Structures are given as structure tokens and as C-alpha cells.
């Protein structure tokens, strides 16, 4: 089981707070590693955080489009690892720009572990 760390201090109006809390985790040695359902959940949270972001509209719109494609791919019973990873590679720079508090490195690691 994965245990999220409690966020130290995040303003409630910060759209990345829920995603940051959800993707900050530790894995206990005797517990299973991450699941595809967790990746799906994180991408749903990421979509919500992007949608609530007040940044540049073109950047937000592109990020929303890319995260929706990724969510659609992850909805398959057995998603294509190659396709999911390719979509994440295109989405990650937008996430870093729009939501710098979100750990793209941790999400990348999670995707690589699961797929």
C-alpha cells in the first residue's frame, strides 16, 4: 500500500495541491508497488489541476488536450506502455511550466514502474 505524505502547507486555492499530495509517496518494503489505478487517479487529478489553472490559455488548453488523450489511453483495460509513455513525454514539459510544484520526475517514475 502506498502512503501519501501529509503536505506541509498548501494554500487551498492552489490547483496543484491535491496532485502534489497524491504523488508524494513512500513505498513500504512489504507492500506492493504502484498500480495502474493509481496512475489513472493521478492523471485525473492532474487534469483537474490543469483545468483550474489561471496561466496562459493556449498552454492550459494544450495541456488539457494532452492529459485527456493520456486519460483515454489509460482507460483501456491494457494500455499500451509505449503510447502512454510517449504521451507523458509530450505532456510533462507543460506540467512543469503550469504546475511547477508537481513532481514530474515522480510521475515519470511511477509510469515507468507500472507500465
PDB file of N, CA and C in Angstrom:
ATOM      1  N   UNK A   1       0.846  -1.179   0.000  1.00  0.00           N
ATOM      2  CA  UNK A   1       0.000   0.000   0.000  1.00  0.00           C
ATOM      3  C   UNK A   1       0.888   1.237   0.000  1.00  0.00           C
ATOM      4  N   UNK A   2       0.498   2.237  -0.749  1.00  0.00           N
ATOM      5  CA  UNK A   2       1.258   3.475  -0.841  1.00  0.00           C
ATOM      6  C   UNK A   2       0.680   4.467   0.146  1.00  0.00           C
ATOM      7  N   UNK A   3       1.553   5.149   0.878  1.00  0.00           N
ATOM      8  CA  UNK A   3       1.114   6.108   1.881  1.00  0.00           C
ATOM      9  C   UNK A   3       1.511   7.508   1.453  1.00  0.00           C
ATOM     10  N   UNK A   4       0.531   8.380   1.178  1.00  0.00           N
ATOM     11  CA  UNK A   4       0.909   9.749   0.848  1.00  0.00           C
ATOM     12  C   UNK A   4       1.426  10.471   2.085  1.00  0.00           C
ATOM     13  N   UNK A   5       2.409  11.329   1.885  1.00  0.00           N
ATOM     14  CA  UNK A   5       2.872  12.195   2.963  1.00  0.00           C
ATOM     15  C   UNK A   5       1.848  13.299   3.141  1.00  0.00           C
ATOM     16  N   UNK A   6       1.741  13.785   4.323  1.00  0.00           N
ATOM     17  CA  UNK A   6       0.881  14.929   4.545  1.00  0.00           C
ATOM     18  C   UNK A   6       1.590  16.162   4.009  1.00  0.00           C
ATOM     19  N   UNK A   7       0.919  16.973   3.162  1.00  0.00           N
ATOM     20  CA  UNK A   7       1.559  18.187   2.696  1.00  0.00           C
ATOM     21  C   UNK A   7       1.794  19.126   3.866  1.00  0.00           C
ATOM     22  N   UNK A   8       2.933  19.797   3.857  1.00  0.00           N
ATOM     23  CA  UNK A   8       3.273  20.689   4.966  1.00  0.00           C
ATOM     24  C   UNK A   8       2.348  21.892   5.012  1.00  0.00           C
ATOM     25  N   UNK A   9       2.257  22.614   3.935  1.00  0.00           N
ATOM     26  CA  UNK A   9       1.410  23.795   3.910  1.00  0.00           C
ATOM     27  C   UNK A   9       1.112  24.157   2.470  1.00  0.00           C
ATOM     28  N   UNK A  10      -0.116  23.939   2.069  1.00  0.00           N
ATOM     29  CA  UNK A  10      -0.538  24.268   0.711  1.00  0.00           C
ATOM     30  C   UNK A  10      -1.782  25.134   0.787  1.00  0.00           C
ATOM     31  N   UNK A  11      -1.781  26.266   0.111  1.00  0.00           N
ATOM     32  CA  UNK A  11      -2.994  27.059   0.094  1.00  0.00           C
ATOM     33  C   UNK A  11      -4.126  26.283  -0.568  1.00  0.00           C
ATOM     34  N   UNK A  12      -5.321  26.423  -0.046  1.00  0.00           N
ATOM     35  CA  UNK A  12      -6.453  25.682  -0.581  1.00  0.00           C
ATOM     36  C   UNK A  12      -6.774  26.067  -2.014  1.00  0.00           C
ATOM     37  N   UNK A  13      -6.401  27.257  -2.439  1.00  0.00           N
ATOM     38  CA  UNK A  13      -6.715  27.692  -3.795  1.00  0.00           C
ATOM     39  C   UNK A  13      -5.640  27.272  -4.796  1.00  0.00           C
ATOM     40  N   UNK A  14      -4.669  26.499  -4.391  1.00  0.00           N
ATOM     41  CA  UNK A  14      -3.610  26.032  -5.267  1.00  0.00           C
ATOM     42  C   UNK A  14      -4.088  24.772  -5.980  1.00  0.00           C
ATOM     43  N   UNK A  15      -4.315  24.834  -7.310  1.00  0.00           N
ATOM     44  CA  UNK A  15      -4.859  23.680  -8.011  1.00  0.00           C
ATOM     45  C   UNK A  15      -3.936  22.472  -8.018  1.00  0.00           C
ATOM     46  N   UNK A  16      -2.654  22.657  -7.797  1.00  0.00           N
ATOM     47  CA  UNK A  16      -1.730  21.537  -7.800  1.00  0.00           C
ATOM     48  C   UNK A  16      -1.589  20.850  -6.455  1.00  0.00           C
ATOM     49  N   UNK A  17      -2.193  21.387  -5.413  1.00  0.00           N
ATOM     50  CA  UNK A  17      -2.015  20.836  -4.067  1.00  0.00           C
ATOM     51  C   UNK A  17      -2.478  19.393  -3.945  1.00  0.00           C
ATOM     52  N   UNK A  18      -3.651  19.085  -4.454  1.00  0.00           N
ATOM     53  CA  UNK A  18      -4.164  17.719  -4.353  1.00  0.00           C
ATOM     54  C   UNK A  18      -3.279  16.756  -5.122  1.00  0.00           C
ATOM     55  N   UNK A  19      -2.841  17.185  -6.290  1.00  0.00           N
ATOM     56  CA  UNK A  19      -1.969  16.328  -7.086  1.00  0.00           C
ATOM     57  C   UNK A  19      -0.620  16.153  -6.406  1.00  0.00           C
ATOM     58  N   UNK A  20      -0.087  17.218  -5.865  1.00  0.00           N
ATOM     59  CA  UNK A  20       1.189  17.139  -5.162  1.00  0.00           C
ATOM     60  C   UNK A  20       1.084  16.161  -3.990  1.00  0.00           C
ATOM     61  N   UNK A  21       0.021  16.276  -3.221  1.00  0.00           N
ATOM     62  CA  UNK A  21      -0.177  15.375  -2.084  1.00  0.00           C
ATOM     63  C   UNK A  21      -0.342  13.935  -2.558  1.00  0.00           C
ATOM     64  N   UNK A  22      -1.035  13.748  -3.662  1.00  0.00           N
ATOM     65  CA  UNK A  22      -1.295  12.396  -4.153  1.00  0.00           C
ATOM     66  C   UNK A  22      -0.060  11.738  -4.738  1.00  0.00           C
ATOM     67  N   UNK A  23       0.858  12.510  -5.271  1.00  0.00           N
ATOM     68  CA  UNK A  23       2.026  11.921  -5.920  1.00  0.00           C
ATOM     69  C   UNK A  23       3.261  11.942  -5.038  1.00  0.00           C
ATOM     70  N   UNK A  24       3.135  12.437  -3.822  1.00  0.00           N
ATOM     71  CA  UNK A  24       4.234  12.390  -2.863  1.00  0.00           C
ATOM     72  C   UNK A  24       3.996  11.166  -2.000  1.00  0.00           C
ATOM     73  N   UNK A  25       4.830  10.142  -2.181  1.00  0.00           N
ATOM     74  CA  UNK A  25       4.534   8.872  -1.541  1.00  0.00           C
ATOM     75  C   UNK A  25       5.799   8.164  -1.108  1.00  0.00           C
ATOM     76  N   UNK A  26       5.590   7.188  -0.249  1.00  0.00           N
ATOM     77  CA  UNK A  26       6.664   6.263   0.102  1.00  0.00           C
ATOM     78  C   UNK A  26       6.109   4.861  -0.065  1.00  0.00           C
ATOM     79  N   UNK A  27       6.952   3.938  -0.379  1.00  0.00           N
ATOM     80  CA  UNK A  27       6.533   2.551  -0.533  1.00  0.00           C
ATOM     81  C   UNK A  27       7.186   1.744   0.573  1.00  0.00           C
ATOM     82  N   UNK A  28       6.382   1.025   1.318  1.00  0.00           N
ATOM     83  CA  UNK A  28       6.904   0.160   2.368  1.00  0.00           C
ATOM     84  C   UNK A  28       7.455  -1.103   1.712  1.00  0.00           C
ATOM     85  N   UNK A  29       8.524  -1.668   2.260  1.00  0.00           N
ATOM     86  CA  UNK A  29       9.182  -2.834   1.665  1.00  0.00           C
ATOM     87  C   UNK A  29       8.244  -4.023   1.484  1.00  0.00           C
ATOM     88  N   UNK A  30       7.323  -4.225   2.398  1.00  0.00           N
ATOM     89  CA  UNK A  30       6.451  -5.394   2.328  1.00  0.00           C
ATOM     90  C   UNK A  30       5.134  -5.116   1.602  1.00  0.00           C
ATOM     91  N   UNK A  31       5.039  -3.992   0.949  1.00  0.00           N
ATOM     92  CA  UNK A  31       3.797  -3.628   0.275  1.00  0.00           C
ATOM     93  C   UNK A  31       3.979  -3.650  -1.229  1.00  0.00           C
ATOM     94  N   UNK A  32       2.897  -3.934  -1.982  1.00  0.00           N
ATOM     95  CA  UNK A  32       3.003  -3.959  -3.432  1.00  0.00           C
ATOM     96  C   UNK A  32       3.353  -2.572  -3.986  1.00  0.00           C
ATOM     97  N   UNK A  33       4.005  -2.569  -5.116  1.00  0.00           N
ATOM     98  CA  UNK A  33       4.350  -1.309  -5.760  1.00  0.00           C
ATOM     99  C   UNK A  33       3.069  -0.736  -6.365  1.00  0.00           C
ATOM    100  N   UNK A  34       3.190   0.284  -7.128  1.00  0.00           N
ATOM    101  CA  UNK A  34       2.056   1.052  -7.631  1.00  0.00           C
ATOM    102  C   UNK A  34       1.193   0.281  -8.621  1.00  0.00           C
ATOM    103  N   UNK A  35      -0.012   0.737  -8.750  1.00  0.00           N
ATOM    104  CA  UNK A  35      -0.945   0.086  -9.651  1.00  0.00           C
ATOM    105  C   UNK A  35      -1.367   1.039 -10.765  1.00  0.00           C
ATOM    106  N   UNK A  36      -1.885   0.438 -11.797  1.00  0.00           N
ATOM    107  CA  UNK A  36      -2.390   1.214 -12.923  1.00  0.00           C
ATOM    108  C   UNK A  36      -3.517   2.142 -12.469  1.00  0.00           C
ATOM    109  N   UNK A  37      -4.314   1.690 -11.509  1.00  0.00           N
ATOM    110  CA  UNK A  37      -5.397   2.538 -10.997  1.00  0.00           C
ATOM    111  C   UNK A  37      -4.855   3.811 -10.356  1.00  0.00           C
ATOM    112  N   UNK A  38      -3.693   3.715  -9.701  1.00  0.00           N
ATOM    113  CA  UNK A  38      -3.088   4.914  -9.121  1.00  0.00           C
ATOM    114  C   UNK A  38      -2.690   5.896 -10.217  1.00  0.00           C
ATOM    115  N   UNK A  39      -2.109   5.392 -11.295  1.00  0.00           N
ATOM    116  CA  UNK A  39      -1.719   6.261 -12.408  1.00  0.00           C
ATOM    117  C   UNK A  39      -2.959   6.926 -12.983  1.00  0.00           C
ATOM    118  N   UNK A  40      -4.006   6.169 -13.142  1.00  0.00           N
ATOM    119  CA  UNK A  40      -5.269   6.729 -13.655  1.00  0.00           C
ATOM    120  C   UNK A  40      -5.770   7.842 -12.731  1.00  0.00           C
ATOM    121  N   UNK A  41      -5.725   7.578 -11.433  1.00  0.00           N
ATOM    122  CA  UNK A  41      -6.180   8.568 -10.449  1.00  0.00           C
ATOM    123  C   UNK A  41      -5.329   9.843 -10.519  1.00  0.00           C
ATOM    124  N   UNK A  42      -3.997   9.679 -10.593  1.00  0.00           N
ATOM    125  CA  UNK A  42      -3.102  10.837 -10.662  1.00  0.00           C
ATOM    126  C   UNK A  42      -3.368  11.655 -11.924  1.00  0.00           C
ATOM    127  N   UNK A  43      -3.641  10.989 -13.037  1.00  0.00           N
ATOM    128  CA  UNK A  43      -3.911  11.726 -14.276  1.00  0.00           C
ATOM    129  C   UNK A  43      -5.247  12.472 -14.201  1.00  0.00           C
ATOM    130  N   UNK A  44      -6.221  11.879 -13.516  1.00  0.00           N
ATOM    131  CA  UNK A  44      -7.488  12.592 -13.299  1.00  0.00           C
ATOM    132  C   UNK A  44      -7.253  13.850 -12.464  1.00  0.00           C
ATOM    133  N   UNK A  45      -6.470  13.715 -11.398  1.00  0.00           N
ATOM    134  CA  UNK A  45      -6.140  14.875 -10.561  1.00  0.00           C
ATOM    135  C   UNK A  45      -5.360  15.919 -11.350  1.00  0.00           C
ATOM    136  N   UNK A  46      -4.446  15.461 -12.177  1.00  0.00           N
ATOM    137  CA  UNK A  46      -3.664  16.371 -12.994  1.00  0.00           C
ATOM    138  C   UNK A  46      -4.578  17.148 -13.942  1.00  0.00           C
ATOM    139  N   UNK A  47      -5.526  16.463 -14.556  1.00  0.00           N
ATOM    140  CA  UNK A  47      -6.486  17.134 -15.438  1.00  0.00           C
ATOM    141  C   UNK A  47      -7.276  18.208 -14.708  1.00  0.00           C
ATOM    142  N   UNK A  48      -7.707  17.901 -13.484  1.00  0.00           N
ATOM    143  CA  UNK A  48      -8.441  18.881 -12.683  1.00  0.00           C
ATOM    144  C   UNK A  48      -7.561  20.084 -12.342  1.00  0.00           C
ATOM    145  N   UNK A  49      -6.327  19.827 -11.961  1.00  0.00           N
ATOM    146  CA  UNK A  49      -5.406  20.914 -11.608  1.00  0.00           C
ATOM    147  C   UNK A  49      -5.124  21.803 -12.810  1.00  0.00           C
ATOM    148  N   UNK A  50      -4.942  21.207 -13.964  1.00  0.00           N
ATOM    149  CA  UNK A  50      -4.689  21.987 -15.179  1.00  0.00           C
ATOM    150  C   UNK A  50      -5.919  22.816 -15.535  1.00  0.00           C
ATOM    151  N   UNK A  51      -7.091  22.218 -15.450  1.00  0.00           N
ATOM    152  CA  UNK A  51      -8.329  22.927 -15.788  1.00  0.00           C
ATOM    153  C   UNK A  51      -8.553  24.146 -14.900  1.00  0.00           C
ATOM    154  N   UNK A  52      -8.112  24.060 -13.641  1.00  0.00           N
ATOM    155  CA  UNK A  52      -8.297  25.163 -12.697  1.00  0.00           C
ATOM    156  C   UNK A  52      -7.189  26.208 -12.769  1.00  0.00           C
ATOM    157  N   UNK A  53      -6.174  25.963 -13.566  1.00  0.00           N
ATOM    158  CA  UNK A  53      -5.014  26.854 -13.627  1.00  0.00           C
ATOM    159  C   UNK A  53      -5.347  28.142 -14.370  1.00  0.00           C
ATOM    160  N   UNK A  54      -4.807  29.252 -13.880  1.00  0.00           N
ATOM    161  CA  UNK A  54      -5.081  30.562 -14.469  1.00  0.00           C
ATOM    162  C   UNK A  54      -4.016  31.020 -15.456  1.00  0.00           C
ATOM    163  N   UNK A  55      -3.095  30.159 -15.820  1.00  0.00           N
ATOM    164  CA  UNK A  55      -1.983  30.532 -16.696  1.00  0.00           C
ATOM    165  C   UNK A  55      -2.410  30.855 -18.112  1.00  0.00           C
ATOM    166  N   UNK A  56      -1.420  30.888 -18.989  1.00  0.00           N
ATOM    167  CA  UNK A  56      -1.650  31.195 -20.395  1.00  0.00           C
ATOM    168  C   UNK A  56      -2.693  30.233 -20.972  1.00  0.00           C
ATOM    169  N   UNK A  57      -3.769  30.777 -21.564  1.00  0.00           N
ATOM    170  CA  UNK A  57      -4.848  29.915 -22.066  1.00  0.00           C
ATOM    171  C   UNK A  57      -4.377  28.888 -23.105  1.00  0.00           C
ATOM    172  N   UNK A  58      -3.490  29.269 -23.991  1.00  0.00           N
ATOM    173  CA  UNK A  58      -3.043  28.316 -25.019  1.00  0.00           C
ATOM    174  C   UNK A  58      -2.272  27.161 -24.398  1.00  0.00           C
ATOM    175  N   UNK A  59      -1.468  27.462 -23.382  1.00  0.00           N
ATOM    176  CA  UNK A  59      -0.684  26.427 -22.721  1.00  0.00           C
ATOM    177  C   UNK A  59      -1.606  25.495 -21.917  1.00  0.00           C
ATOM    178  N   UNK A  60      -2.549  26.096 -21.222  1.00  0.00           N
ATOM    179  CA  UNK A  60      -3.509  25.307 -20.445  1.00  0.00           C
ATOM    180  C   UNK A  60      -4.346  24.421 -21.375  1.00  0.00           C
ATOM    181  N   UNK A  61      -4.812  24.998 -22.500  1.00  0.00           N
ATOM    182  CA  UNK A  61      -5.633  24.226 -23.437  1.00  0.00           C
ATOM    183  C   UNK A  61      -4.860  23.059 -24.038  1.00  0.00           C
ATOM    184  N   UNK A  62      -3.600  23.288 -24.388  1.00  0.00           N
ATOM    185  CA  UNK A  62      -2.790  22.196 -24.927  1.00  0.00           C
ATOM    186  C   UNK A  62      -2.566  21.117 -23.867  1.00  0.00           C
ATOM    187  N   UNK A  63      -2.284  21.536 -22.635  1.00  0.00           N
ATOM    188  CA  UNK A  63      -2.073  20.575 -21.556  1.00  0.00           C
ATOM    189  C   UNK A  63      -3.342  19.760 -21.298  1.00  0.00           C
ATOM    190  N   UNK A  64      -4.499  20.425 -21.323  1.00  0.00           N
ATOM    191  CA  UNK A  64      -5.764  19.703 -21.130  1.00  0.00           C
ATOM    192  C   UNK A  64      -5.996  18.687 -22.235  1.00  0.00           C
ATOM    193  N   UNK A  65      -5.730  19.086 -23.460  1.00  0.00           N
ATOM    194  CA  UNK A  65      -5.885  18.193 -24.600  1.00  0.00           C
ATOM    195  C   UNK A  65      -4.983  16.973 -24.427  1.00  0.00           C
ATOM    196  N   UNK A  66      -3.725  17.211 -24.047  1.00  0.00           N
ATOM    197  CA  UNK A  66      -2.766  16.112 -23.907  1.00  0.00           C
ATOM    198  C   UNK A  66      -3.102  15.206 -22.714  1.00  0.00           C
ATOM    199  N   UNK A  67      -3.532  15.782 -21.604  1.00  0.00           N
ATOM    200  CA  UNK A  67      -3.877  14.938 -20.450  1.00  0.00           C
ATOM    201  C   UNK A  67      -5.135  14.123 -20.751  1.00  0.00           C
ATOM    202  N   UNK A  68      -6.072  14.687 -21.507  1.00  0.00           N
ATOM    203  CA  UNK A  68      -7.280  13.926 -21.871  1.00  0.00           C
ATOM    204  C   UNK A  68      -6.932  12.750 -22.771  1.00  0.00           C
ATOM    205  N   UNK A  69      -5.994  12.945 -23.696  1.00  0.00           N
ATOM    206  CA  UNK A  69      -5.536  11.834 -24.531  1.00  0.00           C
ATOM    207  C   UNK A  69      -4.918  10.736 -23.662  1.00  0.00           C
ATOM    208  N   UNK A  70      -4.121  11.160 -22.711  1.00  0.00           N
ATOM    209  CA  UNK A  70      -3.457  10.212 -21.816  1.00  0.00           C
ATOM    210  C   UNK A  70      -4.483   9.467 -20.961  1.00  0.00           C
ATOM    211  N   UNK A  71      -5.462  10.177 -20.437  1.00  0.00           N
ATOM    212  CA  UNK A  71      -6.524   9.549 -19.639  1.00  0.00           C
ATOM    213  C   UNK A  71      -7.290   8.541 -20.490  1.00  0.00           C
ATOM    214  N   UNK A  72      -7.580   8.899 -21.747  1.00  0.00           N
ATOM    215  CA  UNK A  72      -8.280   7.968 -22.645  1.00  0.00           C
ATOM    216  C   UNK A  72      -7.456   6.697 -22.870  1.00  0.00           C
ATOM    217  N   UNK A  73      -6.155   6.862 -23.092  1.00  0.00           N
ATOM    218  CA  UNK A  73      -5.295   5.691 -23.281  1.00  0.00           C
ATOM    219  C   UNK A  73      -5.260   4.822 -22.028  1.00  0.00           C
ATOM    220  N   UNK A  74      -5.189   5.461 -20.865  1.00  0.00           N
ATOM    221  CA  UNK A  74      -5.142   4.717 -19.604  1.00  0.00           C
ATOM    222  C   UNK A  74      -6.460   4.023 -19.282  1.00  0.00           C
ATOM    223  N   UNK A  75      -7.543   4.447 -19.905  1.00  0.00           N
ATOM    224  CA  UNK A  75      -8.850   3.833 -19.657  1.00  0.00           C
ATOM    225  C   UNK A  75      -8.968   2.453 -20.303  1.00  0.00           C
ATOM    226  N   UNK A  76      -8.078   2.150 -21.228  1.00  0.00           N
ATOM    227  CA  UNK A  76      -8.086   0.826 -21.858  1.00  0.00           C
ATOM    228  C   UNK A  76      -7.781  -0.237 -20.799  1.00  0.00           C
ATOM    229  N   UNK A  77      -8.353  -1.430 -20.937  1.00  0.00           N
ATOM    230  CA  UNK A  77      -8.062  -2.492 -19.970  1.00  0.00           C
ATOM    231  C   UNK A  77      -6.561  -2.805 -19.871  1.00  0.00           C
ATOM    232  N   UNK A  78      -5.884  -2.792 -20.997  1.00  0.00           N
ATOM    233  CA  UNK A  78      -4.439  -2.994 -21.020  1.00  0.00           C
ATOM    234  C   UNK A  78      -3.835  -1.888 -21.881  1.00  0.00           C
ATOM    235  N   UNK A  79      -3.517  -0.751 -21.268  1.00  0.00           N
ATOM    236  CA  UNK A  79      -2.996   0.371 -22.056  1.00  0.00           C
ATOM    237  C   UNK A  79      -1.634   0.052 -22.673  1.00  0.00           C
ATOM    238  N   UNK A  80      -1.387   0.645 -23.814  1.00  0.00           N
ATOM    239  CA  UNK A  80      -0.094   0.493 -24.475  1.00  0.00           C
ATOM    240  C   UNK A  80       0.954   1.298 -23.712  1.00  0.00           C
ATOM    241  N   UNK A  81       1.948   0.606 -23.173  1.00  0.00           N
ATOM    242  CA  UNK A  81       3.002   1.291 -22.423  1.00  0.00           C
ATOM    243  C   UNK A  81       3.710   2.305 -23.314  1.00  0.00           C
ATOM    244  N   UNK A  82       3.981   1.927 -24.538  1.00  0.00           N
ATOM    245  CA  UNK A  82       4.676   2.827 -25.468  1.00  0.00           C
ATOM    246  C   UNK A  82       3.874   4.098 -25.714  1.00  0.00           C
ATOM    247  N   UNK A  83       2.577   3.950 -25.946  1.00  0.00           N
ATOM    248  CA  UNK A  83       1.728   5.109 -26.219  1.00  0.00           C
ATOM    249  C   UNK A  83       1.598   6.013 -24.992  1.00  0.00           C
ATOM    250  N   UNK A  84       1.368   5.410 -23.825  1.00  0.00           N
ATOM    251  CA  UNK A  84       1.223   6.190 -22.594  1.00  0.00           C
ATOM    252  C   UNK A  84       2.499   6.969 -22.308  1.00  0.00           C
ATOM    253  N   UNK A  85       3.645   6.308 -22.407  1.00  0.00           N
ATOM    254  CA  UNK A  85       4.917   6.979 -22.142  1.00  0.00           C
ATOM    255  C   UNK A  85       5.180   8.086 -23.147  1.00  0.00           C
ATOM    256  N   UNK A  86       4.842   7.867 -24.414  1.00  0.00           N
ATOM    257  CA  UNK A  86       5.023   8.902 -25.441  1.00  0.00           C
ATOM    258  C   UNK A  86       4.135  10.114 -25.149  1.00  0.00           C
ATOM    259  N   UNK A  87       2.902   9.852 -24.748  1.00  0.00           N
ATOM    260  CA  UNK A  87       2.000  10.966 -24.420  1.00  0.00           C
ATOM    261  C   UNK A  87       2.506  11.725 -23.189  1.00  0.00           C
ATOM    262  N   UNK A  88       3.003  10.998 -22.185  1.00  0.00           N
ATOM    263  CA  UNK A  88       3.521  11.652 -20.983  1.00  0.00           C
ATOM    264  C   UNK A  88       4.733  12.515 -21.324  1.00  0.00           C
ATOM    265  N   UNK A  89       5.598  12.048 -22.187  1.00  0.00           N
ATOM    266  CA  UNK A  89       6.775  12.822 -22.584  1.00  0.00           C
ATOM    267  C   UNK A  89       6.366  14.154 -23.203  1.00  0.00           C
ATOM    268  N   UNK A  90       5.276  14.164 -23.950  1.00  0.00           N
ATOM    269  CA  UNK A  90       4.793  15.422 -24.559  1.00  0.00           C
ATOM    270  C   UNK A  90       4.060  16.305 -23.543  1.00  0.00           C
ATOM    271  N   UNK A  91       3.431  15.696 -22.552  1.00  0.00           N
ATOM    272  CA  UNK A  91       2.685  16.455 -21.550  1.00  0.00           C
ATOM    273  C   UNK A  91       3.579  17.007 -20.444  1.00  0.00           C
ATOM    274  N   UNK A  92       4.603  16.283 -20.072  1.00  0.00           N
ATOM    275  CA  UNK A  92       5.444  16.642 -18.921  1.00  0.00           C
ATOM    276  C   UNK A  92       5.981  18.078 -18.949  1.00  0.00           C
ATOM    277  N   UNK A  93       6.520  18.577 -20.079  1.00  0.00           N
ATOM    278  CA  UNK A  93       7.021  19.966 -20.071  1.00  0.00           C
ATOM    279  C   UNK A  93       5.926  20.995 -19.790  1.00  0.00           C
ATOM    280  N   UNK A  94       4.710  20.711 -20.238  1.00  0.00           N
ATOM    281  CA  UNK A  94       3.599  21.619 -19.969  1.00  0.00           C
ATOM    282  C   UNK A  94       3.237  21.601 -18.486  1.00  0.00           C
ATOM    283  N   UNK A  95       3.285  20.431 -17.880  1.00  0.00           N
ATOM    284  CA  UNK A  95       3.011  20.313 -16.442  1.00  0.00           C
ATOM    285  C   UNK A  95       4.064  21.085 -15.664  1.00  0.00           C
ATOM    286  N   UNK A  96       5.322  20.939 -16.036  1.00  0.00           N
ATOM    287  CA  UNK A  96       6.398  21.669 -15.349  1.00  0.00           C
ATOM    288  C   UNK A  96       6.197  23.173 -15.454  1.00  0.00           C
ATOM    289  N   UNK A  97       5.719  23.631 -16.591  1.00  0.00           N
ATOM    290  CA  UNK A  97       5.509  25.062 -16.796  1.00  0.00           C
ATOM    291  C   UNK A  97       4.284  25.575 -16.037  1.00  0.00           C
ATOM    292  N   UNK A  98       3.188  24.847 -16.116  1.00  0.00           N
ATOM    293  CA  UNK A  98       1.941  25.289 -15.490  1.00  0.00           C
ATOM    294  C   UNK A  98       1.906  25.027 -13.983  1.00  0.00           C
ATOM    295  N   UNK A  99       2.422  23.890 -13.567  1.00  0.00           N
ATOM    296  CA  UNK A  99       2.329  23.453 -12.168  1.00  0.00           C
ATOM    297  C   UNK A  99       3.708  23.046 -11.659  1.00  0.00           C
ATOM    298  N   UNK A 100       4.597  24.020 -11.451  1.00  0.00           N
ATOM    299  CA  UNK A 100       5.968  23.679 -11.052  1.00  0.00           C
ATOM    300  C   UNK A 100       6.061  22.942  -9.714  1.00  0.00           C
ATOM    301  N   UNK A 101       5.024  23.012  -8.894  1.00  0.00           N
ATOM    302  CA  UNK A 101       5.044  22.323  -7.606  1.00  0.00           C
ATOM    303  C   UNK A 101       4.818  20.820  -7.745  1.00  0.00           C
ATOM    304  N   UNK A 102       4.373  20.374  -8.912  1.00  0.00           N
ATOM    305  CA  UNK A 102       4.120  18.959  -9.144  1.00  0.00           C
ATOM    306  C   UNK A 102       5.416  18.285  -9.602  1.00  0.00           C
ATOM    307  N   UNK A 103       5.735  17.156  -9.016  1.00  0.00           N
ATOM    308  CA  UNK A 103       6.962  16.445  -9.344  1.00  0.00           C
ATOM    309  C   UNK A 103       6.787  15.587 -10.597  1.00  0.00           C
ATOM    310  N   UNK A 104       7.213  16.142 -11.715  1.00  0.00           N
ATOM    311  CA  UNK A 104       7.166  15.414 -12.982  1.00  0.00           C
ATOM    312  C   UNK A 104       8.057  14.177 -12.893  1.00  0.00           C
ATOM    313  N   UNK A 105       9.157  14.291 -12.200  1.00  0.00           N
ATOM    314  CA  UNK A 105      10.083  13.163 -12.041  1.00  0.00           C
ATOM    315  C   UNK A 105       9.405  11.990 -11.337  1.00  0.00           C
ATOM    316  N   UNK A 106       8.646  12.271 -10.287  1.00  0.00           N
ATOM    317  CA  UNK A 106       7.958  11.202  -9.550  1.00  0.00           C
ATOM    318  C   UNK A 106       6.868  10.561 -10.403  1.00  0.00           C
ATOM    319  N   UNK A 107       6.132  11.377 -11.154  1.00  0.00           N
ATOM    320  CA  UNK A 107       5.082  10.816 -12.013  1.00  0.00           C
ATOM    321  C   UNK A 107       5.716   9.969 -13.105  1.00  0.00           C
ATOM    322  N   UNK A 108       6.822  10.432 -13.669  1.00  0.00           N
ATOM    323  CA  UNK A 108       7.531   9.663 -14.691  1.00  0.00           C
ATOM    324  C   UNK A 108       7.986   8.325 -14.113  1.00  0.00           C
ATOM    325  N   UNK A 109       8.541   8.354 -12.918  1.00  0.00           N
ATOM    326  CA  UNK A 109       8.986   7.126 -12.266  1.00  0.00           C
ATOM    327  C   UNK A 109       7.812   6.176 -12.042  1.00  0.00           C
ATOM    328  N   UNK A 110       6.705   6.714 -11.603  1.00  0.00           N
ATOM    329  CA  UNK A 110       5.512   5.898 -11.364  1.00  0.00           C
ATOM    330  C   UNK A 110       5.037   5.256 -12.663  1.00  0.00           C
ATOM    331  N   UNK A 111       4.943   6.024 -13.721  1.00  0.00           N
ATOM    332  CA  UNK A 111       4.503   5.483 -15.013  1.00  0.00           C
ATOM    333  C   UNK A 111       5.445   4.375 -15.474  1.00  0.00           C
ATOM    334  N   UNK A 112       6.737   4.608 -15.323  1.00  0.00           N
ATOM    335  CA  UNK A 112       7.717   3.599 -15.746  1.00  0.00           C
ATOM    336  C   UNK A 112       7.630   2.333 -14.906  1.00  0.00           C
ATOM    337  N   UNK A 113       7.310   2.460 -13.628  1.00  0.00           N
ATOM    338  CA  UNK A 113       7.172   1.283 -12.761  1.00  0.00           C
ATOM    339  C   UNK A 113       5.937   0.470 -13.099  1.00  0.00           C
ATOM    340  N   UNK A 114       4.858   1.169 -13.410  1.00  0.00           N
ATOM    341  CA  UNK A 114       3.577   0.498 -13.633  1.00  0.00           C
ATOM    342  C   UNK A 114       3.484  -0.121 -15.024  1.00  0.00           C
ATOM    343  N   UNK A 115       4.022   0.574 -16.006  1.00  0.00           N
ATOM    344  CA  UNK A 115       3.871   0.087 -17.386  1.00  0.00           C
ATOM    345  C   UNK A 115       5.097  -0.615 -17.860  1.00  0.00           C
TER     346      UNK A 115
END
